[in-house]
Amino acid sequence: MSITKDRFDQGMTYDAYKAQMTRNQERLEANEQSLDLAGADLDFFQQLPQPLNVVAIAEDWCGDVINNLPVLGQLAATSGKLTVRVFPRDQNLDLMDQYLKEGQFRSIPVFVFFDEAFRELGHWIERPARIHEMQTAMRSNLFATDPLLANIDPTMSPGQMPEEARNRYMQANATFRTEHRTESDREVVRELRAIVERAIA
């Protein structure tokens, strides 16, 4: 099922999505405040010949949404060339299931780019590839060296971990995010630019 203009218009604006959040709104807004998107990749979006439409699939409990949706929001606001509509994942599984990570995971956020006629240009899922690689390495090292996590299966979801282990893992993730924030934000923009650049070349 393709996205039509009518379906697109049913989504929330970025500001409306923020306003209805029941979790992590302060974290998302703090991420907005620390964003620095200057550079050639931002210039690329500002110089697009035609505006683009972007579907964002999100949920306010998801850390990758809290980290990466503000990047899209600021990119849209700063460039003036992206019209964003946000759809909660769990209320829009028909949209979500068109963009499964590795064909099976409902990973978010998902950003899908369309031209003015709603022809799909490409999509982006969850987090930048480089950051994913770095985070995977951090996780492997953490589970191999931290006594709190020594007997925990590294593939276990945080929600299934004992509380003390989960807290340690979440703390490590937060530290990783803080240390690599600028690099991650710029990688998001670089990867989004690559998607659009390939489509309009």
N, C-alpha and C. Protein backbone atom coordinates (compact mmCIF):
# COMPACT_ATOMS: atom_id res chain seq x y z
N MET A 1 0.85 -1.19 0.00
CA MET A 1 0.00 0.00 0.00
C MET A 1 0.88 1.24 0.00
N SER A 2 0.67 2.09 -0.98
CA SER A 2 1.48 3.31 -1.05
C SER A 2 0.83 4.41 -0.20
N ILE A 3 1.63 5.42 0.11
CA ILE A 3 1.13 6.57 0.86
C ILE A 3 0.46 7.54 -0.10
N THR A 4 -0.76 7.94 0.21
CA THR A 4 -1.44 8.96 -0.58
C THR A 4 -1.37 10.28 0.17
N LYS A 5 -1.70 11.36 -0.51
CA LYS A 5 -1.72 12.66 0.16
C LYS A 5 -2.73 12.65 1.30
N ASP A 6 -3.88 12.00 1.10
CA ASP A 6 -4.90 11.95 2.15
C ASP A 6 -4.37 11.24 3.39
N ARG A 7 -3.68 10.12 3.18
CA ARG A 7 -3.13 9.40 4.33
C ARG A 7 -2.03 10.23 4.99
N PHE A 8 -1.19 10.85 4.19
CA PHE A 8 -0.11 11.68 4.72
C PHE A 8 -0.68 12.78 5.61
N ASP A 9 -1.76 13.40 5.17
CA ASP A 9 -2.35 14.51 5.92
C ASP A 9 -2.97 14.07 7.24
N GLN A 10 -3.17 12.76 7.43
CA GLN A 10 -3.70 12.25 8.69
C GLN A 10 -2.62 12.21 9.78
N GLY A 11 -1.35 12.30 9.39
CA GLY A 11 -0.28 12.28 10.37
C GLY A 11 -0.19 13.59 11.14
N MET A 12 0.56 13.57 12.23
CA MET A 12 0.75 14.76 13.06
C MET A 12 1.96 15.56 12.59
N THR A 13 1.89 16.86 12.71
CA THR A 13 3.10 17.64 12.50
C THR A 13 4.08 17.28 13.62
N TYR A 14 5.32 17.64 13.40
CA TYR A 14 6.34 17.36 14.42
C TYR A 14 5.96 18.01 15.75
N ASP A 15 5.53 19.27 15.71
CA ASP A 15 5.16 19.96 16.95
C ASP A 15 3.95 19.32 17.62
N ALA A 16 2.97 18.89 16.81
CA ALA A 16 1.79 18.23 17.38
C ALA A 16 2.17 16.90 18.01
N TYR A 17 3.10 16.18 17.40
CA TYR A 17 3.55 14.92 17.97
C TYR A 17 4.21 15.17 19.33
N LYS A 18 5.09 16.17 19.37
CA LYS A 18 5.75 16.51 20.64
C LYS A 18 4.72 16.84 21.72
N ALA A 19 3.71 17.60 21.35
CA ALA A 19 2.73 18.07 22.33
C ALA A 19 1.93 16.93 22.95
N GLN A 20 1.74 15.83 22.20
CA GLN A 20 0.92 14.73 22.73
C GLN A 20 1.76 13.64 23.39
N MET A 21 3.07 13.80 23.44
CA MET A 21 3.93 12.79 24.05
C MET A 21 3.62 12.66 25.54
N THR A 22 3.58 11.43 26.01
CA THR A 22 3.35 11.18 27.44
C THR A 22 4.62 10.72 28.15
N ARG A 23 5.66 10.39 27.36
CA ARG A 23 6.94 9.96 27.92
C ARG A 23 8.08 10.64 27.17
N ASN A 24 9.13 10.95 27.88
CA ASN A 24 10.41 11.38 27.29
C ASN A 24 10.36 12.71 26.54
N GLN A 25 9.32 13.51 26.76
CA GLN A 25 9.24 14.79 26.06
C GLN A 25 10.42 15.70 26.43
N GLU A 26 10.77 15.71 27.71
CA GLU A 26 11.89 16.56 28.14
C GLU A 26 13.20 16.09 27.52
N ARG A 27 13.40 14.78 27.43
CA ARG A 27 14.62 14.26 26.79
C ARG A 27 14.68 14.66 25.32
N LEU A 28 13.56 14.54 24.64
CA LEU A 28 13.53 14.91 23.23
C LEU A 28 13.84 16.39 23.05
N GLU A 29 13.25 17.23 23.90
CA GLU A 29 13.50 18.67 23.79
C GLU A 29 14.94 19.02 24.16
N ALA A 30 15.52 18.29 25.11
CA ALA A 30 16.94 18.51 25.44
C ALA A 30 17.82 18.15 24.25
N ASN A 31 17.46 17.09 23.54
CA ASN A 31 18.22 16.71 22.34
C ASN A 31 18.09 17.79 21.27
N GLU A 32 16.91 18.36 21.15
CA GLU A 32 16.73 19.46 20.19
C GLU A 32 17.68 20.62 20.51
N GLN A 33 17.78 20.96 21.77
CA GLN A 33 18.56 22.12 22.17
C GLN A 33 20.04 21.96 21.87
N SER A 34 20.52 20.73 21.87
CA SER A 34 21.96 20.51 21.67
C SER A 34 22.33 20.18 20.23
N LEU A 35 21.36 20.19 19.33
CA LEU A 35 21.64 19.86 17.93
C LEU A 35 22.48 20.94 17.26
N ASP A 36 23.40 20.50 16.42
CA ASP A 36 24.21 21.42 15.62
C ASP A 36 24.33 20.80 14.23
N LEU A 37 23.48 21.25 13.31
CA LEU A 37 23.41 20.61 11.99
C LEU A 37 24.06 21.42 10.88
N ALA A 38 24.94 22.33 11.22
CA ALA A 38 25.59 23.14 10.18
C ALA A 38 26.44 22.25 9.28
N GLY A 39 26.65 22.72 8.05
CA GLY A 39 27.55 22.01 7.15
C GLY A 39 26.94 21.76 5.80
N ALA A 40 27.72 21.07 4.95
CA ALA A 40 27.33 20.86 3.56
C ALA A 40 26.07 20.02 3.44
N ASP A 41 25.87 19.07 4.36
CA ASP A 41 24.69 18.23 4.27
C ASP A 41 23.42 19.03 4.53
N LEU A 42 23.47 19.96 5.48
CA LEU A 42 22.34 20.86 5.71
C LEU A 42 22.12 21.75 4.49
N ASP A 43 23.20 22.26 3.94
CA ASP A 43 23.10 23.11 2.74
C ASP A 43 22.39 22.37 1.61
N PHE A 44 22.68 21.07 1.47
CA PHE A 44 22.05 20.27 0.42
C PHE A 44 20.53 20.34 0.53
N PHE A 45 20.01 20.16 1.75
CA PHE A 45 18.55 20.18 1.92
C PHE A 45 17.98 21.58 1.69
N GLN A 46 18.70 22.60 2.11
CA GLN A 46 18.23 23.96 1.90
C GLN A 46 18.14 24.30 0.41
N GLN A 47 18.97 23.65 -0.40
CA GLN A 47 19.03 23.97 -1.83
C GLN A 47 18.22 23.00 -2.70
N LEU A 48 17.43 22.14 -2.09
CA LEU A 48 16.59 21.24 -2.89
C LEU A 48 15.69 22.06 -3.82
N PRO A 49 15.57 21.64 -5.08
CA PRO A 49 14.76 22.41 -6.02
C PRO A 49 13.26 22.37 -5.71
N GLN A 50 12.80 21.27 -5.11
CA GLN A 50 11.39 21.13 -4.76
C GLN A 50 11.27 20.60 -3.33
N PRO A 51 10.22 20.99 -2.61
CA PRO A 51 10.00 20.44 -1.27
C PRO A 51 9.72 18.94 -1.35
N LEU A 52 10.03 18.24 -0.25
CA LEU A 52 9.75 16.82 -0.15
C LEU A 52 8.82 16.57 1.04
N ASN A 53 8.10 15.46 0.98
CA ASN A 53 7.24 15.02 2.08
C ASN A 53 7.93 13.86 2.79
N VAL A 54 7.85 13.86 4.12
CA VAL A 54 8.52 12.81 4.90
C VAL A 54 7.54 12.22 5.91
N VAL A 55 7.32 10.91 5.82
CA VAL A 55 6.57 10.16 6.82
C VAL A 55 7.56 9.70 7.88
N ALA A 56 7.27 9.99 9.14
CA ALA A 56 8.08 9.49 10.26
C ALA A 56 7.20 8.56 11.10
N ILE A 57 7.70 7.36 11.36
CA ILE A 57 6.99 6.40 12.20
C ILE A 57 7.73 6.34 13.53
N ALA A 58 7.01 6.54 14.63
CA ALA A 58 7.69 6.76 15.91
C ALA A 58 6.83 6.28 17.08
N GLU A 59 7.46 6.16 18.25
CA GLU A 59 6.78 5.97 19.53
C GLU A 59 7.61 6.68 20.60
N ASP A 60 6.95 7.25 21.60
CA ASP A 60 7.69 8.08 22.54
C ASP A 60 8.47 7.29 23.59
N TRP A 61 8.32 5.97 23.63
CA TRP A 61 9.10 5.15 24.56
C TRP A 61 10.44 4.72 23.98
N CYS A 62 10.65 4.97 22.70
CA CYS A 62 11.82 4.43 22.00
C CYS A 62 13.00 5.39 22.05
N GLY A 63 14.13 4.92 22.55
CA GLY A 63 15.32 5.75 22.66
C GLY A 63 15.82 6.26 21.33
N ASP A 64 15.77 5.43 20.26
CA ASP A 64 16.23 5.89 18.96
C ASP A 64 15.33 6.97 18.39
N VAL A 65 14.04 6.92 18.72
CA VAL A 65 13.13 8.00 18.33
C VAL A 65 13.51 9.29 19.04
N ILE A 66 13.73 9.20 20.35
CA ILE A 66 14.08 10.39 21.13
C ILE A 66 15.40 10.99 20.64
N ASN A 67 16.32 10.13 20.20
CA ASN A 67 17.61 10.61 19.71
C ASN A 67 17.52 11.20 18.31
N ASN A 68 16.75 10.56 17.41
CA ASN A 68 16.87 10.87 15.99
C ASN A 68 15.71 11.63 15.37
N LEU A 69 14.52 11.54 15.97
CA LEU A 69 13.41 12.35 15.42
C LEU A 69 13.69 13.84 15.51
N PRO A 70 14.34 14.35 16.58
CA PRO A 70 14.66 15.78 16.61
C PRO A 70 15.58 16.23 15.48
N VAL A 71 16.42 15.31 15.01
CA VAL A 71 17.30 15.65 13.88
C VAL A 71 16.46 15.95 12.65
N LEU A 72 15.49 15.07 12.37
CA LEU A 72 14.60 15.30 11.24
C LEU A 72 13.78 16.57 11.45
N GLY A 73 13.28 16.77 12.67
CA GLY A 73 12.48 17.95 12.96
C GLY A 73 13.24 19.24 12.72
N GLN A 74 14.49 19.28 13.18
CA GLN A 74 15.27 20.50 12.98
C GLN A 74 15.70 20.65 11.53
N LEU A 75 16.00 19.55 10.88
CA LEU A 75 16.37 19.60 9.46
C LEU A 75 15.22 20.19 8.64
N ALA A 76 13.99 19.78 8.97
CA ALA A 76 12.82 20.32 8.28
C ALA A 76 12.65 21.80 8.57
N ALA A 77 12.77 22.18 9.84
CA ALA A 77 12.56 23.58 10.22
C ALA A 77 13.63 24.48 9.64
N THR A 78 14.87 24.01 9.63
CA THR A 78 15.98 24.84 9.16
C THR A 78 16.03 24.95 7.65
N SER A 79 15.74 23.86 6.96
CA SER A 79 15.84 23.87 5.49
C SER A 79 14.62 24.50 4.84
N GLY A 80 13.44 24.35 5.48
CA GLY A 80 12.21 24.82 4.86
C GLY A 80 11.78 23.99 3.67
N LYS A 81 12.40 22.82 3.47
CA LYS A 81 12.12 22.01 2.29
C LYS A 81 11.52 20.64 2.60
N LEU A 82 11.26 20.35 3.86
CA LEU A 82 10.70 19.05 4.23
C LEU A 82 9.39 19.24 5.00
N THR A 83 8.33 18.62 4.52
CA THR A 83 7.06 18.59 5.22
C THR A 83 6.95 17.25 5.92
N VAL A 84 6.97 17.27 7.24
CA VAL A 84 7.01 16.03 8.03
C VAL A 84 5.65 15.75 8.65
N ARG A 85 5.25 14.48 8.59
CA ARG A 85 4.07 14.01 9.32
C ARG A 85 4.47 12.76 10.09
N VAL A 86 4.11 12.75 11.38
CA VAL A 86 4.52 11.67 12.28
C VAL A 86 3.32 10.76 12.55
N PHE A 87 3.58 9.45 12.46
CA PHE A 87 2.56 8.44 12.70
C PHE A 87 3.02 7.52 13.84
N PRO A 88 2.24 7.38 14.92
CA PRO A 88 2.59 6.41 15.95
C PRO A 88 2.62 5.00 15.37
N ARG A 89 3.69 4.28 15.63
CA ARG A 89 3.86 2.96 15.03
C ARG A 89 2.70 2.02 15.33
N ASP A 90 2.36 1.89 16.62
CA ASP A 90 1.44 0.84 17.02
C ASP A 90 0.01 1.09 16.58
N GLN A 91 -0.29 2.31 16.16
CA GLN A 91 -1.61 2.63 15.61
C GLN A 91 -1.62 2.59 14.08
N ASN A 92 -0.45 2.34 13.50
CA ASN A 92 -0.33 2.38 12.04
C ASN A 92 0.56 1.24 11.54
N LEU A 93 0.21 0.02 11.96
CA LEU A 93 1.04 -1.13 11.61
C LEU A 93 1.03 -1.41 10.11
N ASP A 94 -0.02 -0.97 9.41
CA ASP A 94 -0.02 -1.16 7.96
C ASP A 94 1.10 -0.36 7.30
N LEU A 95 1.40 0.83 7.87
CA LEU A 95 2.55 1.60 7.38
C LEU A 95 3.85 0.96 7.84
N MET A 96 3.92 0.64 9.13
CA MET A 96 5.15 0.10 9.70
C MET A 96 5.59 -1.16 8.96
N ASP A 97 4.66 -2.03 8.64
CA ASP A 97 5.03 -3.33 8.09
C ASP A 97 5.52 -3.25 6.65
N GLN A 98 5.47 -2.07 6.06
CA GLN A 98 6.09 -1.86 4.74
C GLN A 98 7.59 -1.58 4.87
N TYR A 99 8.05 -1.30 6.11
CA TYR A 99 9.43 -0.84 6.30
C TYR A 99 10.11 -1.59 7.45
N LEU A 100 9.97 -2.91 7.44
CA LEU A 100 10.57 -3.72 8.49
C LEU A 100 12.08 -3.77 8.34
N LYS A 101 12.79 -3.63 9.44
CA LYS A 101 14.25 -3.76 9.40
C LYS A 101 14.60 -5.23 9.18
N GLU A 102 15.48 -5.47 8.21
CA GLU A 102 15.88 -6.83 7.84
C GLU A 102 14.68 -7.70 7.51
N GLY A 103 13.59 -7.06 7.09
CA GLY A 103 12.40 -7.79 6.68
C GLY A 103 11.58 -8.39 7.79
N GLN A 104 11.96 -8.10 9.07
CA GLN A 104 11.22 -8.75 10.16
C GLN A 104 11.02 -7.92 11.41
N PHE A 105 11.83 -6.85 11.62
CA PHE A 105 11.75 -6.11 12.88
C PHE A 105 11.04 -4.77 12.69
N ARG A 106 10.15 -4.46 13.62
CA ARG A 106 9.43 -3.18 13.58
C ARG A 106 10.27 -2.09 14.28
N SER A 107 11.46 -1.88 13.78
CA SER A 107 12.40 -0.92 14.37
C SER A 107 12.00 0.50 13.99
N ILE A 108 12.15 1.40 14.94
CA ILE A 108 11.82 2.81 14.72
C ILE A 108 12.93 3.70 15.29
N PRO A 109 13.00 4.94 14.82
CA PRO A 109 12.09 5.57 13.87
C PRO A 109 12.33 5.09 12.44
N VAL A 110 11.30 5.27 11.62
CA VAL A 110 11.41 5.12 10.17
C VAL A 110 11.11 6.47 9.55
N PHE A 111 11.96 6.91 8.64
CA PHE A 111 11.73 8.14 7.87
C PHE A 111 11.61 7.74 6.40
N VAL A 112 10.48 8.08 5.76
CA VAL A 112 10.25 7.74 4.36
C VAL A 112 10.07 9.02 3.57
N PHE A 113 10.87 9.18 2.53
CA PHE A 113 10.86 10.40 1.72
C PHE A 113 10.02 10.20 0.46
N PHE A 114 9.20 11.22 0.16
CA PHE A 114 8.36 11.22 -1.03
C PHE A 114 8.51 12.54 -1.75
N ASP A 115 8.35 12.50 -3.08
CA ASP A 115 8.33 13.77 -3.81
C ASP A 115 6.94 14.38 -3.71
N GLU A 116 6.72 15.47 -4.43
CA GLU A 116 5.44 16.18 -4.31
C GLU A 116 4.25 15.36 -4.80
N ALA A 117 4.52 14.39 -5.68
CA ALA A 117 3.44 13.52 -6.20
C ALA A 117 3.32 12.24 -5.37
N PHE A 118 4.03 12.17 -4.26
CA PHE A 118 4.02 11.02 -3.35
C PHE A 118 4.59 9.76 -4.00
N ARG A 119 5.57 9.96 -4.86
CA ARG A 119 6.39 8.84 -5.31
C ARG A 119 7.50 8.65 -4.28
N GLU A 120 7.67 7.42 -3.81
CA GLU A 120 8.66 7.16 -2.76
C GLU A 120 10.08 7.30 -3.30
N LEU A 121 10.92 8.02 -2.55
CA LEU A 121 12.31 8.23 -2.94
C LEU A 121 13.27 7.32 -2.17
N GLY A 122 12.86 6.88 -1.00
CA GLY A 122 13.72 6.02 -0.19
C GLY A 122 13.35 6.15 1.28
N HIS A 123 13.92 5.26 2.11
CA HIS A 123 13.59 5.29 3.53
C HIS A 123 14.83 5.01 4.38
N TRP A 124 14.71 5.35 5.66
CA TRP A 124 15.80 5.23 6.64
C TRP A 124 15.21 4.64 7.91
N ILE A 125 15.97 3.73 8.57
CA ILE A 125 15.44 3.02 9.73
C ILE A 125 16.39 3.10 10.92
N GLU A 126 15.88 3.48 12.05
CA GLU A 126 16.41 3.32 13.41
C GLU A 126 17.58 4.23 13.76
N ARG A 127 18.78 3.97 13.21
CA ARG A 127 19.98 4.75 13.57
C ARG A 127 21.01 4.61 12.46
N PRO A 128 22.01 5.51 12.43
CA PRO A 128 23.03 5.42 11.38
C PRO A 128 23.83 4.12 11.47
N ALA A 129 24.27 3.62 10.32
CA ALA A 129 25.01 2.36 10.27
C ALA A 129 26.28 2.42 11.11
N ARG A 130 27.02 3.51 11.00
CA ARG A 130 28.27 3.62 11.75
C ARG A 130 28.01 3.61 13.26
N ILE A 131 26.99 4.32 13.69
CA ILE A 131 26.65 4.36 15.11
C ILE A 131 26.18 2.99 15.58
N HIS A 132 25.43 2.28 14.73
CA HIS A 132 24.99 0.93 15.08
C HIS A 132 26.18 0.01 15.31
N GLU A 133 27.18 0.10 14.43
CA GLU A 133 28.38 -0.73 14.58
C GLU A 133 29.11 -0.40 15.88
N MET A 134 29.25 0.88 16.17
CA MET A 134 29.94 1.30 17.39
C MET A 134 29.16 0.87 18.64
N GLN A 135 27.85 0.97 18.57
CA GLN A 135 27.02 0.61 19.72
C GLN A 135 27.04 -0.90 19.95
N THR A 136 27.06 -1.66 18.86
CA THR A 136 27.15 -3.11 18.98
C THR A 136 28.46 -3.53 19.63
N ALA A 137 29.55 -2.87 19.23
CA ALA A 137 30.85 -3.16 19.84
C ALA A 137 30.86 -2.80 21.32
N MET A 138 30.28 -1.65 21.65
CA MET A 138 30.19 -1.23 23.05
C MET A 138 29.40 -2.26 23.86
N ARG A 139 28.29 -2.71 23.32
CA ARG A 139 27.44 -3.69 24.02
C ARG A 139 28.19 -5.00 24.24
N SER A 140 28.88 -5.49 23.21
CA SER A 140 29.63 -6.74 23.35
C SER A 140 30.69 -6.63 24.43
N ASN A 141 31.40 -5.51 24.43
CA ASN A 141 32.44 -5.30 25.43
C ASN A 141 31.84 -5.20 26.84
N LEU A 142 30.71 -4.52 26.94
CA LEU A 142 30.05 -4.33 28.23
C LEU A 142 29.63 -5.67 28.83
N PHE A 143 29.00 -6.52 28.01
CA PHE A 143 28.53 -7.80 28.51
C PHE A 143 29.69 -8.75 28.82
N ALA A 144 30.83 -8.52 28.17
CA ALA A 144 31.98 -9.38 28.41
C ALA A 144 32.77 -8.97 29.65
N THR A 145 32.64 -7.71 30.08
CA THR A 145 33.51 -7.20 31.14
C THR A 145 32.80 -6.75 32.40
N ASP A 146 31.51 -6.47 32.33
CA ASP A 146 30.80 -5.94 33.50
C ASP A 146 30.21 -7.08 34.33
N PRO A 147 30.59 -7.19 35.62
CA PRO A 147 30.09 -8.29 36.45
C PRO A 147 28.56 -8.34 36.54
N LEU A 148 27.91 -7.18 36.49
CA LEU A 148 26.45 -7.17 36.57
C LEU A 148 25.79 -7.84 35.37
N LEU A 149 26.50 -7.87 34.26
CA LEU A 149 25.92 -8.39 33.02
C LEU A 149 26.54 -9.72 32.60
N ALA A 150 27.45 -10.24 33.40
CA ALA A 150 28.22 -11.42 33.01
C ALA A 150 27.34 -12.63 32.72
N ASN A 151 26.25 -12.79 33.44
CA ASN A 151 25.40 -13.97 33.26
C ASN A 151 24.12 -13.68 32.47
N ILE A 152 24.10 -12.53 31.81
CA ILE A 152 22.95 -12.12 31.01
C ILE A 152 23.22 -12.41 29.54
N ASP A 153 22.23 -12.98 28.86
CA ASP A 153 22.35 -13.22 27.42
C ASP A 153 22.40 -11.86 26.72
N PRO A 154 23.48 -11.59 25.94
CA PRO A 154 23.60 -10.28 25.28
C PRO A 154 22.49 -9.97 24.29
N THR A 155 21.77 -11.00 23.83
CA THR A 155 20.68 -10.75 22.88
C THR A 155 19.36 -10.45 23.58
N MET A 156 19.35 -10.55 24.91
CA MET A 156 18.11 -10.30 25.66
C MET A 156 17.71 -8.83 25.55
N SER A 157 16.42 -8.58 25.39
CA SER A 157 15.97 -7.19 25.34
C SER A 157 16.07 -6.59 26.74
N PRO A 158 16.35 -5.28 26.84
CA PRO A 158 16.47 -4.64 28.15
C PRO A 158 15.25 -4.85 29.04
N GLY A 159 14.07 -4.91 28.45
CA GLY A 159 12.86 -5.09 29.22
C GLY A 159 12.78 -6.42 29.95
N GLN A 160 13.55 -7.40 29.48
CA GLN A 160 13.53 -8.73 30.09
C GLN A 160 14.64 -8.91 31.12
N MET A 161 15.57 -7.96 31.20
CA MET A 161 16.70 -8.09 32.11
C MET A 161 16.27 -7.83 33.56
N PRO A 162 16.97 -8.43 34.53
CA PRO A 162 16.76 -8.02 35.92
C PRO A 162 17.02 -6.52 36.08
N GLU A 163 16.33 -5.91 37.03
CA GLU A 163 16.36 -4.45 37.14
C GLU A 163 17.77 -3.87 37.24
N GLU A 164 18.62 -4.47 38.07
CA GLU A 164 19.96 -3.94 38.27
C GLU A 164 20.78 -4.01 36.97
N ALA A 165 20.65 -5.13 36.26
CA ALA A 165 21.36 -5.29 35.00
C ALA A 165 20.82 -4.32 33.95
N ARG A 166 19.50 -4.18 33.91
CA ARG A 166 18.88 -3.26 32.95
C ARG A 166 19.35 -1.83 33.19
N ASN A 167 19.38 -1.43 34.46
CA ASN A 167 19.82 -0.07 34.78
C ASN A 167 21.26 0.16 34.36
N ARG A 168 22.11 -0.83 34.57
CA ARG A 168 23.51 -0.71 34.16
C ARG A 168 23.62 -0.58 32.65
N TYR A 169 22.86 -1.39 31.93
CA TYR A 169 22.89 -1.34 30.47
C TYR A 169 22.36 0.00 29.96
N MET A 170 21.27 0.49 30.53
CA MET A 170 20.71 1.77 30.10
C MET A 170 21.68 2.92 30.41
N GLN A 171 22.37 2.82 31.54
CA GLN A 171 23.36 3.84 31.87
C GLN A 171 24.49 3.85 30.84
N ALA A 172 24.95 2.66 30.46
CA ALA A 172 26.02 2.57 29.46
C ALA A 172 25.56 3.14 28.12
N ASN A 173 24.31 2.87 27.75
CA ASN A 173 23.77 3.42 26.50
C ASN A 173 23.70 4.93 26.55
N ALA A 174 23.27 5.47 27.70
CA ALA A 174 23.17 6.92 27.84
C ALA A 174 24.55 7.56 27.76
N THR A 175 25.55 6.94 28.37
CA THR A 175 26.92 7.45 28.30
C THR A 175 27.43 7.42 26.86
N PHE A 176 27.17 6.31 26.18
CA PHE A 176 27.57 6.19 24.77
C PHE A 176 26.94 7.30 23.95
N ARG A 177 25.65 7.53 24.15
CA ARG A 177 24.94 8.56 23.39
C ARG A 177 25.53 9.94 23.65
N THR A 178 25.82 10.24 24.90
CA THR A 178 26.40 11.54 25.24
C THR A 178 27.75 11.72 24.57
N GLU A 179 28.56 10.69 24.60
CA GLU A 179 29.91 10.78 24.05
C GLU A 179 29.91 10.91 22.52
N HIS A 180 28.90 10.35 21.87
CA HIS A 180 28.89 10.30 20.40
C HIS A 180 27.75 11.11 19.79
N ARG A 181 27.18 12.02 20.57
CA ARG A 181 25.98 12.74 20.14
C ARG A 181 26.19 13.51 18.83
N THR A 182 27.21 14.33 18.77
CA THR A 182 27.42 15.16 17.58
C THR A 182 27.67 14.31 16.35
N GLU A 183 28.50 13.29 16.51
CA GLU A 183 28.79 12.39 15.39
C GLU A 183 27.53 11.69 14.91
N SER A 184 26.70 11.23 15.85
CA SER A 184 25.48 10.53 15.48
C SER A 184 24.52 11.44 14.72
N ASP A 185 24.31 12.65 15.23
CA ASP A 185 23.40 13.59 14.57
C ASP A 185 23.85 13.87 13.15
N ARG A 186 25.13 14.07 12.98
CA ARG A 186 25.64 14.39 11.63
C ARG A 186 25.57 13.18 10.70
N GLU A 187 25.73 11.98 11.28
CA GLU A 187 25.59 10.76 10.47
C GLU A 187 24.14 10.58 10.01
N VAL A 188 23.18 10.92 10.87
CA VAL A 188 21.77 10.85 10.46
C VAL A 188 21.55 11.75 9.24
N VAL A 189 22.00 12.99 9.32
CA VAL A 189 21.80 13.93 8.21
C VAL A 189 22.53 13.46 6.96
N ARG A 190 23.75 12.95 7.14
CA ARG A 190 24.54 12.47 5.99
C ARG A 190 23.82 11.32 5.29
N GLU A 191 23.27 10.38 6.08
CA GLU A 191 22.58 9.24 5.48
C GLU A 191 21.26 9.65 4.82
N LEU A 192 20.55 10.58 5.44
CA LEU A 192 19.32 11.08 4.81
C LEU A 192 19.63 11.80 3.51
N ARG A 193 20.70 12.57 3.50
CA ARG A 193 21.11 13.24 2.27
C ARG A 193 21.41 12.21 1.18
N ALA A 194 22.11 11.14 1.53
CA ALA A 194 22.48 10.12 0.54
C ALA A 194 21.24 9.49 -0.09
N ILE A 195 20.22 9.25 0.72
CA ILE A 195 18.97 8.67 0.19
C ILE A 195 18.35 9.61 -0.83
N VAL A 196 18.23 10.88 -0.47
CA VAL A 196 17.58 11.85 -1.36
C VAL A 196 18.45 12.11 -2.60
N GLU A 197 19.73 12.19 -2.40
CA GLU A 197 20.65 12.47 -3.50
C GLU A 197 20.57 11.39 -4.56
N ARG A 198 20.55 10.13 -4.13
CA ARG A 198 20.45 9.01 -5.10
C ARG A 198 19.15 9.10 -5.86
N ALA A 199 18.07 9.47 -5.17
CA ALA A 199 16.74 9.45 -5.79
C ALA A 199 16.56 10.56 -6.81
N ILE A 200 17.19 11.70 -6.59
CA ILE A 200 16.94 12.83 -7.48
C ILE A 200 18.06 13.06 -8.48
N ALA A 201 19.09 12.22 -8.41
CA ALA A 201 20.24 12.38 -9.32
C ALA A 201 19.83 12.16 -10.76
